[in-house]
């Protein structure tokens, strides 16, 4: 199987890249990716860039020279609710975008058989609604407003674009992100430190899903 693992920036896939056998870097038309092996599967790790516009444009270029059988989108997110701890992995069941008015949410599925133990994590994997925003959310007031209006668990900047691309291409998708911050006024402080740990947590879940497909 050919699997694409899509993230915004390299920090979000560093751990996963370290698990691939013989990863080869490829770059074409400003599209950066690594292709390696994981078990019997070919895995392409692709960087779509930060934010909706960059993700949309780079995904169109990616489609021109790599066709996957299955897509994963991984990385970090901000918590919109108070009971999501840092580094907790969250699987998307529904994705909406704040800037796409009138469009219906994109529905996804995540199997109940995937457990923290199968991924080497101590935190339960939460499942729920994702919200994609067109800028970072580092404001408690904005966070609370977005949660009230959209009833989402967490917020990011690319999931809607990856889900839209996957639906358009007819490729199944799983979205796994882990909490790096609480989308509040203090979230920008030490963001990189926490984001690296959160990215590893998301990477571990994706690795488990690829390495042990019998679980799902």
C-alpha atoms as a PDB file:
ATOM      1  CA  UNK A   1       0.000   0.000   0.000  1.00  0.00           C
ATOM      2  CA  UNK A   2       1.097   3.568  -0.709  1.00  0.00           C
ATOM      3  CA  UNK A   3       0.451   5.794   2.294  1.00  0.00           C
ATOM      4  CA  UNK A   4       0.801   9.577   2.490  1.00  0.00           C
ATOM      5  CA  UNK A   5       1.469  11.192   5.870  1.00  0.00           C
ATOM      6  CA  UNK A   6       0.720  14.896   5.539  1.00  0.00           C
ATOM      7  CA  UNK A   7       1.840  17.559   8.024  1.00  0.00           C
ATOM      8  CA  UNK A   8       2.354  21.304   7.951  1.00  0.00           C
ATOM      9  CA  UNK A   9       6.019  21.473   8.996  1.00  0.00           C
ATOM     10  CA  UNK A  10       8.914  19.062   9.487  1.00  0.00           C
ATOM     11  CA  UNK A  11       8.866  19.314  13.268  1.00  0.00           C
ATOM     12  CA  UNK A  12       5.492  17.560  13.174  1.00  0.00           C
ATOM     13  CA  UNK A  13       6.888  14.482  11.387  1.00  0.00           C
ATOM     14  CA  UNK A  14      10.430  14.240  12.758  1.00  0.00           C
ATOM     15  CA  UNK A  15       9.612  11.304  15.031  1.00  0.00           C
ATOM     16  CA  UNK A  16       7.710   9.430  12.325  1.00  0.00           C
ATOM     17  CA  UNK A  17      10.493   9.994   9.795  1.00  0.00           C
ATOM     18  CA  UNK A  18      12.888   8.337  12.205  1.00  0.00           C
ATOM     19  CA  UNK A  19      10.829   5.148  12.060  1.00  0.00           C
ATOM     20  CA  UNK A  20      10.948   4.770   8.275  1.00  0.00           C
ATOM     21  CA  UNK A  21      13.454   2.540   6.542  1.00  0.00           C
ATOM     22  CA  UNK A  22      15.698   4.242   3.980  1.00  0.00           C
ATOM     23  CA  UNK A  23      13.779   7.530   3.662  1.00  0.00           C
ATOM     24  CA  UNK A  24      14.690   9.381   0.481  1.00  0.00           C
ATOM     25  CA  UNK A  25      14.123  13.116   0.237  1.00  0.00           C
ATOM     26  CA  UNK A  26      12.393  14.364  -2.891  1.00  0.00           C
ATOM     27  CA  UNK A  27      11.582  17.920  -3.916  1.00  0.00           C
ATOM     28  CA  UNK A  28       9.720  19.118  -6.971  1.00  0.00           C
ATOM     29  CA  UNK A  29       7.997  22.416  -7.710  1.00  0.00           C
ATOM     30  CA  UNK A  30       8.555  23.501  -4.075  1.00  0.00           C
ATOM     31  CA  UNK A  31       6.885  20.337  -2.772  1.00  0.00           C
ATOM     32  CA  UNK A  32       8.993  18.625  -0.076  1.00  0.00           C
ATOM     33  CA  UNK A  33       8.539  14.981   0.783  1.00  0.00           C
ATOM     34  CA  UNK A  34      10.374  11.871   1.960  1.00  0.00           C
ATOM     35  CA  UNK A  35       9.573   8.382   0.724  1.00  0.00           C
ATOM     36  CA  UNK A  36      10.562   5.346   2.772  1.00  0.00           C
ATOM     37  CA  UNK A  37       9.276   2.016   3.972  1.00  0.00           C
ATOM     38  CA  UNK A  38       7.329   0.851   6.990  1.00  0.00           C
ATOM     39  CA  UNK A  39       6.745  -2.879   6.961  1.00  0.00           C
ATOM     40  CA  UNK A  40       5.297  -3.804   3.587  1.00  0.00           C
ATOM     41  CA  UNK A  41       4.036  -0.273   2.914  1.00  0.00           C
ATOM     42  CA  UNK A  42       5.567   2.639   1.028  1.00  0.00           C
ATOM     43  CA  UNK A  43       5.168   5.785   3.117  1.00  0.00           C
ATOM     44  CA  UNK A  44       5.460   9.291   1.693  1.00  0.00           C
ATOM     45  CA  UNK A  45       5.845  12.042   4.300  1.00  0.00           C
ATOM     46  CA  UNK A  46       4.726  15.313   2.758  1.00  0.00           C
ATOM     47  CA  UNK A  47       4.929  18.885   4.101  1.00  0.00           C
ATOM     48  CA  UNK A  48       1.949  20.984   3.016  1.00  0.00           C
ATOM     49  CA  UNK A  49       3.006  24.216   4.756  1.00  0.00           C
ATOM     50  CA  UNK A  50       1.275  26.265   7.434  1.00  0.00           C
ATOM     51  CA  UNK A  51      -2.149  27.767   6.960  1.00  0.00           C
ATOM     52  CA  UNK A  52      -5.085  27.065   4.640  1.00  0.00           C
ATOM     53  CA  UNK A  53      -3.818  28.869   1.541  1.00  0.00           C
ATOM     54  CA  UNK A  54      -0.367  27.272   1.512  1.00  0.00           C
ATOM     55  CA  UNK A  55      -1.795  23.857   2.295  1.00  0.00           C
ATOM     56  CA  UNK A  56      -4.344  24.098  -0.518  1.00  0.00           C
ATOM     57  CA  UNK A  57      -1.769  25.166  -3.082  1.00  0.00           C
ATOM     58  CA  UNK A  58       0.858  22.595  -2.119  1.00  0.00           C
ATOM     59  CA  UNK A  59      -1.678  19.747  -2.005  1.00  0.00           C
ATOM     60  CA  UNK A  60      -2.621  20.502  -5.609  1.00  0.00           C
ATOM     61  CA  UNK A  61       1.042  20.208  -6.579  1.00  0.00           C
ATOM     62  CA  UNK A  62       1.430  17.040  -4.527  1.00  0.00           C
ATOM     63  CA  UNK A  63      -1.501  15.456  -6.367  1.00  0.00           C
ATOM     64  CA  UNK A  64       0.322  15.908  -9.660  1.00  0.00           C
ATOM     65  CA  UNK A  65       3.113  13.471  -8.839  1.00  0.00           C
ATOM     66  CA  UNK A  66       2.064  11.207  -5.956  1.00  0.00           C
ATOM     67  CA  UNK A  67      -1.119   9.192  -5.576  1.00  0.00           C
ATOM     68  CA  UNK A  68      -1.615   7.445  -2.244  1.00  0.00           C
ATOM     69  CA  UNK A  69      -4.020   4.647  -1.372  1.00  0.00           C
ATOM     70  CA  UNK A  70      -4.535   6.124   2.096  1.00  0.00           C
ATOM     71  CA  UNK A  71      -3.850   9.527   3.674  1.00  0.00           C
ATOM     72  CA  UNK A  72      -2.970  10.427   7.237  1.00  0.00           C
ATOM     73  CA  UNK A  73      -2.855  14.008   8.468  1.00  0.00           C
ATOM     74  CA  UNK A  74      -0.869  14.488  11.657  1.00  0.00           C
ATOM     75  CA  UNK A  75       0.627  17.244  13.756  1.00  0.00           C
ATOM     76  CA  UNK A  76      -0.406  19.533  16.597  1.00  0.00           C
ATOM     77  CA  UNK A  77      -3.523  21.422  17.601  1.00  0.00           C
ATOM     78  CA  UNK A  78      -4.827  23.819  20.225  1.00  0.00           C
ATOM     79  CA  UNK A  79      -7.424  22.658  22.750  1.00  0.00           C
ATOM     80  CA  UNK A  80     -10.741  24.495  22.720  1.00  0.00           C
ATOM     81  CA  UNK A  81     -12.051  22.661  25.810  1.00  0.00           C
ATOM     82  CA  UNK A  82     -10.618  22.508  29.296  1.00  0.00           C
ATOM     83  CA  UNK A  83     -10.427  18.731  29.713  1.00  0.00           C
ATOM     84  CA  UNK A  84      -7.944  18.092  26.900  1.00  0.00           C
ATOM     85  CA  UNK A  85      -4.460  17.796  28.447  1.00  0.00           C
ATOM     86  CA  UNK A  86      -1.249  18.631  26.646  1.00  0.00           C
ATOM     87  CA  UNK A  87       0.065  15.902  24.351  1.00  0.00           C
ATOM     88  CA  UNK A  88      -3.311  14.147  24.246  1.00  0.00           C
ATOM     89  CA  UNK A  89      -3.882  12.690  20.748  1.00  0.00           C
ATOM     90  CA  UNK A  90      -7.193  13.606  19.146  1.00  0.00           C
ATOM     91  CA  UNK A  91      -8.771  11.784  16.197  1.00  0.00           C
ATOM     92  CA  UNK A  92     -11.095  13.792  13.964  1.00  0.00           C
ATOM     93  CA  UNK A  93     -14.662  12.602  13.448  1.00  0.00           C
ATOM     94  CA  UNK A  94     -15.832  15.840  11.856  1.00  0.00           C
ATOM     95  CA  UNK A  95     -13.966  18.844  10.432  1.00  0.00           C
ATOM     96  CA  UNK A  96     -15.262  22.350   9.791  1.00  0.00           C
ATOM     97  CA  UNK A  97     -13.539  25.537   8.663  1.00  0.00           C
ATOM     98  CA  UNK A  98     -14.316  28.961  10.098  1.00  0.00           C
ATOM     99  CA  UNK A  99     -13.675  30.591   6.723  1.00  0.00           C
ATOM    100  CA  UNK A 100     -15.810  28.258   4.554  1.00  0.00           C
ATOM    101  CA  UNK A 101     -19.283  29.575   5.257  1.00  0.00           C
ATOM    102  CA  UNK A 102     -22.181  27.429   4.145  1.00  0.00           C
ATOM    103  CA  UNK A 103     -20.180  24.260   3.495  1.00  0.00           C
ATOM    104  CA  UNK A 104     -21.163  21.107   5.333  1.00  0.00           C
ATOM    105  CA  UNK A 105     -18.658  19.535   7.752  1.00  0.00           C
ATOM    106  CA  UNK A 106     -16.503  16.702   6.440  1.00  0.00           C
ATOM    107  CA  UNK A 107     -17.223  13.474   8.314  1.00  0.00           C
ATOM    108  CA  UNK A 108     -14.469  10.971   9.084  1.00  0.00           C
ATOM    109  CA  UNK A 109     -14.247   7.717  11.026  1.00  0.00           C
ATOM    110  CA  UNK A 110     -11.821   6.377  13.619  1.00  0.00           C
ATOM    111  CA  UNK A 111     -11.927   2.777  14.893  1.00  0.00           C
ATOM    112  CA  UNK A 112     -12.747   1.955  18.498  1.00  0.00           C
ATOM    113  CA  UNK A 113     -10.124  -0.814  18.429  1.00  0.00           C
ATOM    114  CA  UNK A 114      -7.207   1.654  18.529  1.00  0.00           C
ATOM    115  CA  UNK A 115      -6.061   2.067  22.139  1.00  0.00           C
ATOM    116  CA  UNK A 116      -3.346   4.080  23.910  1.00  0.00           C
ATOM    117  CA  UNK A 117      -1.547   0.810  24.640  1.00  0.00           C
ATOM    118  CA  UNK A 118      -1.299  -0.079  20.948  1.00  0.00           C
ATOM    119  CA  UNK A 119       0.340   3.302  20.323  1.00  0.00           C
ATOM    120  CA  UNK A 120       2.700   3.309  23.322  1.00  0.00           C
ATOM    121  CA  UNK A 121       0.885   6.245  24.952  1.00  0.00           C
ATOM    122  CA  UNK A 122      -0.386   6.820  28.462  1.00  0.00           C
ATOM    123  CA  UNK A 123      -3.114   9.291  27.443  1.00  0.00           C
ATOM    124  CA  UNK A 124      -6.444   8.051  26.001  1.00  0.00           C
ATOM    125  CA  UNK A 125      -7.071   8.911  22.361  1.00  0.00           C
ATOM    126  CA  UNK A 126      -9.947  11.386  22.207  1.00  0.00           C
ATOM    127  CA  UNK A 127     -12.324  11.501  19.277  1.00  0.00           C
ATOM    128  CA  UNK A 128     -14.347  14.504  18.235  1.00  0.00           C
ATOM    129  CA  UNK A 129     -14.829  17.582  16.110  1.00  0.00           C
ATOM    130  CA  UNK A 130     -11.955  19.596  14.641  1.00  0.00           C
ATOM    131  CA  UNK A 131     -12.040  23.228  13.607  1.00  0.00           C
ATOM    132  CA  UNK A 132      -9.690  24.753  11.051  1.00  0.00           C
ATOM    133  CA  UNK A 133      -8.991  28.468  11.404  1.00  0.00           C
ATOM    134  CA  UNK A 134      -7.029  30.717   9.053  1.00  0.00           C
ATOM    135  CA  UNK A 135      -4.645  32.010  11.729  1.00  0.00           C
ATOM    136  CA  UNK A 136      -3.131  30.792  15.007  1.00  0.00           C
ATOM    137  CA  UNK A 137      -5.438  30.991  18.016  1.00  0.00           C
ATOM    138  CA  UNK A 138      -3.495  32.429  20.945  1.00  0.00           C
ATOM    139  CA  UNK A 139      -6.364  34.270  22.635  1.00  0.00           C
ATOM    140  CA  UNK A 140      -8.661  32.995  25.370  1.00  0.00           C
ATOM    141  CA  UNK A 141     -11.468  35.201  24.070  1.00  0.00           C
ATOM    142  CA  UNK A 142     -11.138  33.852  20.525  1.00  0.00           C
ATOM    143  CA  UNK A 143     -10.866  30.282  21.833  1.00  0.00           C
ATOM    144  CA  UNK A 144     -14.061  30.589  23.849  1.00  0.00           C
ATOM    145  CA  UNK A 145     -15.913  32.207  20.953  1.00  0.00           C
ATOM    146  CA  UNK A 146     -14.881  29.447  18.531  1.00  0.00           C
ATOM    147  CA  UNK A 147     -15.910  26.723  20.948  1.00  0.00           C
ATOM    148  CA  UNK A 148     -19.315  28.306  21.563  1.00  0.00           C
ATOM    149  CA  UNK A 149     -19.996  28.797  17.870  1.00  0.00           C
ATOM    150  CA  UNK A 150     -18.673  25.499  16.481  1.00  0.00           C
ATOM    151  CA  UNK A 151     -18.652  23.083  19.465  1.00  0.00           C
ATOM    152  CA  UNK A 152     -15.257  21.695  18.453  1.00  0.00           C
ATOM    153  CA  UNK A 153     -12.674  19.981  20.650  1.00  0.00           C
ATOM    154  CA  UNK A 154      -9.614  21.531  19.050  1.00  0.00           C
ATOM    155  CA  UNK A 155      -8.399  23.968  16.424  1.00  0.00           C
ATOM    156  CA  UNK A 156      -5.694  23.807  13.748  1.00  0.00           C
ATOM    157  CA  UNK A 157      -4.873  25.497  10.434  1.00  0.00           C
ATOM    158  CA  UNK A 158      -4.722  22.700   7.823  1.00  0.00           C
ATOM    159  CA  UNK A 159      -7.074  19.776   8.571  1.00  0.00           C
ATOM    160  CA  UNK A 160      -9.978  21.113   6.513  1.00  0.00           C
ATOM    161  CA  UNK A 161      -7.761  21.555   3.462  1.00  0.00           C
ATOM    162  CA  UNK A 162      -6.310  18.037   3.771  1.00  0.00           C
ATOM    163  CA  UNK A 163      -9.787  16.581   4.248  1.00  0.00           C
ATOM    164  CA  UNK A 164     -11.149  18.507   1.258  1.00  0.00           C
ATOM    165  CA  UNK A 165      -8.242  17.340  -0.901  1.00  0.00           C
ATOM    166  CA  UNK A 166      -8.649  13.719   0.204  1.00  0.00           C
ATOM    167  CA  UNK A 167     -12.384  13.757  -0.471  1.00  0.00           C
ATOM    168  CA  UNK A 168     -11.880  15.299  -3.896  1.00  0.00           C
ATOM    169  CA  UNK A 169      -9.253  12.678  -4.782  1.00  0.00           C
ATOM    170  CA  UNK A 170     -11.328   9.808  -3.382  1.00  0.00           C
ATOM    171  CA  UNK A 171      -8.602   8.809  -0.871  1.00  0.00           C
ATOM    172  CA  UNK A 172      -9.556   7.586   2.638  1.00  0.00           C
ATOM    173  CA  UNK A 173      -8.236   9.830   5.398  1.00  0.00           C
ATOM    174  CA  UNK A 174      -7.469   9.631   9.110  1.00  0.00           C
ATOM    175  CA  UNK A 175      -6.617  12.833  11.008  1.00  0.00           C
ATOM    176  CA  UNK A 176      -4.592  12.562  14.221  1.00  0.00           C
ATOM    177  CA  UNK A 177      -3.326  15.633  16.034  1.00  0.00           C
ATOM    178  CA  UNK A 178      -2.072  16.062  19.592  1.00  0.00           C
ATOM    179  CA  UNK A 179      -2.594  19.030  21.894  1.00  0.00           C
ATOM    180  CA  UNK A 180       0.366  21.401  22.005  1.00  0.00           C
ATOM    181  CA  UNK A 181      -1.365  24.327  23.733  1.00  0.00           C
ATOM    182  CA  UNK A 182      -4.623  25.622  25.171  1.00  0.00           C
ATOM    183  CA  UNK A 183      -5.270  28.328  22.549  1.00  0.00           C
ATOM    184  CA  UNK A 184      -5.031  31.010  25.217  1.00  0.00           C
ATOM    185  CA  UNK A 185      -2.999  34.154  25.849  1.00  0.00           C
ATOM    186  CA  UNK A 186      -0.045  32.155  27.191  1.00  0.00           C
ATOM    187  CA  UNK A 187       0.082  29.577  24.393  1.00  0.00           C
ATOM    188  CA  UNK A 188       2.765  31.322  22.359  1.00  0.00           C
ATOM    189  CA  UNK A 189       5.210  30.925  25.261  1.00  0.00           C
ATOM    190  CA  UNK A 190       7.298  27.737  24.974  1.00  0.00           C
ATOM    191  CA  UNK A 191       5.147  26.695  22.009  1.00  0.00           C
ATOM    192  CA  UNK A 192       7.970  24.943  20.131  1.00  0.00           C
ATOM    193  CA  UNK A 193       8.955  22.853  23.160  1.00  0.00           C
ATOM    194  CA  UNK A 194       5.412  21.591  23.732  1.00  0.00           C
ATOM    195  CA  UNK A 195       4.710  21.210  20.018  1.00  0.00           C
ATOM    196  CA  UNK A 196       7.631  18.811  19.601  1.00  0.00           C
ATOM    197  CA  UNK A 197       6.316  16.545  22.349  1.00  0.00           C
ATOM    198  CA  UNK A 198       2.763  16.733  21.002  1.00  0.00           C
ATOM    199  CA  UNK A 199       3.964  15.934  17.481  1.00  0.00           C
ATOM    200  CA  UNK A 200       5.676  12.792  18.734  1.00  0.00           C
ATOM    201  CA  UNK A 201       2.447  11.655  20.410  1.00  0.00           C
ATOM    202  CA  UNK A 202       0.519  12.106  17.147  1.00  0.00           C
ATOM    203  CA  UNK A 203       3.297  10.362  15.229  1.00  0.00           C
ATOM    204  CA  UNK A 204       3.159   7.364  17.546  1.00  0.00           C
ATOM    205  CA  UNK A 205      -0.541   6.876  16.870  1.00  0.00           C
ATOM    206  CA  UNK A 206      -0.043   7.099  13.106  1.00  0.00           C
ATOM    207  CA  UNK A 207       2.920   4.720  13.293  1.00  0.00           C
ATOM    208  CA  UNK A 208       0.795   2.222  15.215  1.00  0.00           C
ATOM    209  CA  UNK A 209      -2.005   2.439  12.651  1.00  0.00           C
ATOM    210  CA  UNK A 210       0.377   1.816   9.755  1.00  0.00           C
ATOM    211  CA  UNK A 211       2.481  -0.858  11.457  1.00  0.00           C
ATOM    212  CA  UNK A 212      -0.470  -2.746  12.934  1.00  0.00           C
ATOM    213  CA  UNK A 213      -3.396  -2.378  10.511  1.00  0.00           C
ATOM    214  CA  UNK A 214      -5.055  -5.450  12.029  1.00  0.00           C
ATOM    215  CA  UNK A 215      -6.093  -3.159  14.910  1.00  0.00           C
ATOM    216  CA  UNK A 216      -8.381  -1.195  12.597  1.00  0.00           C
END
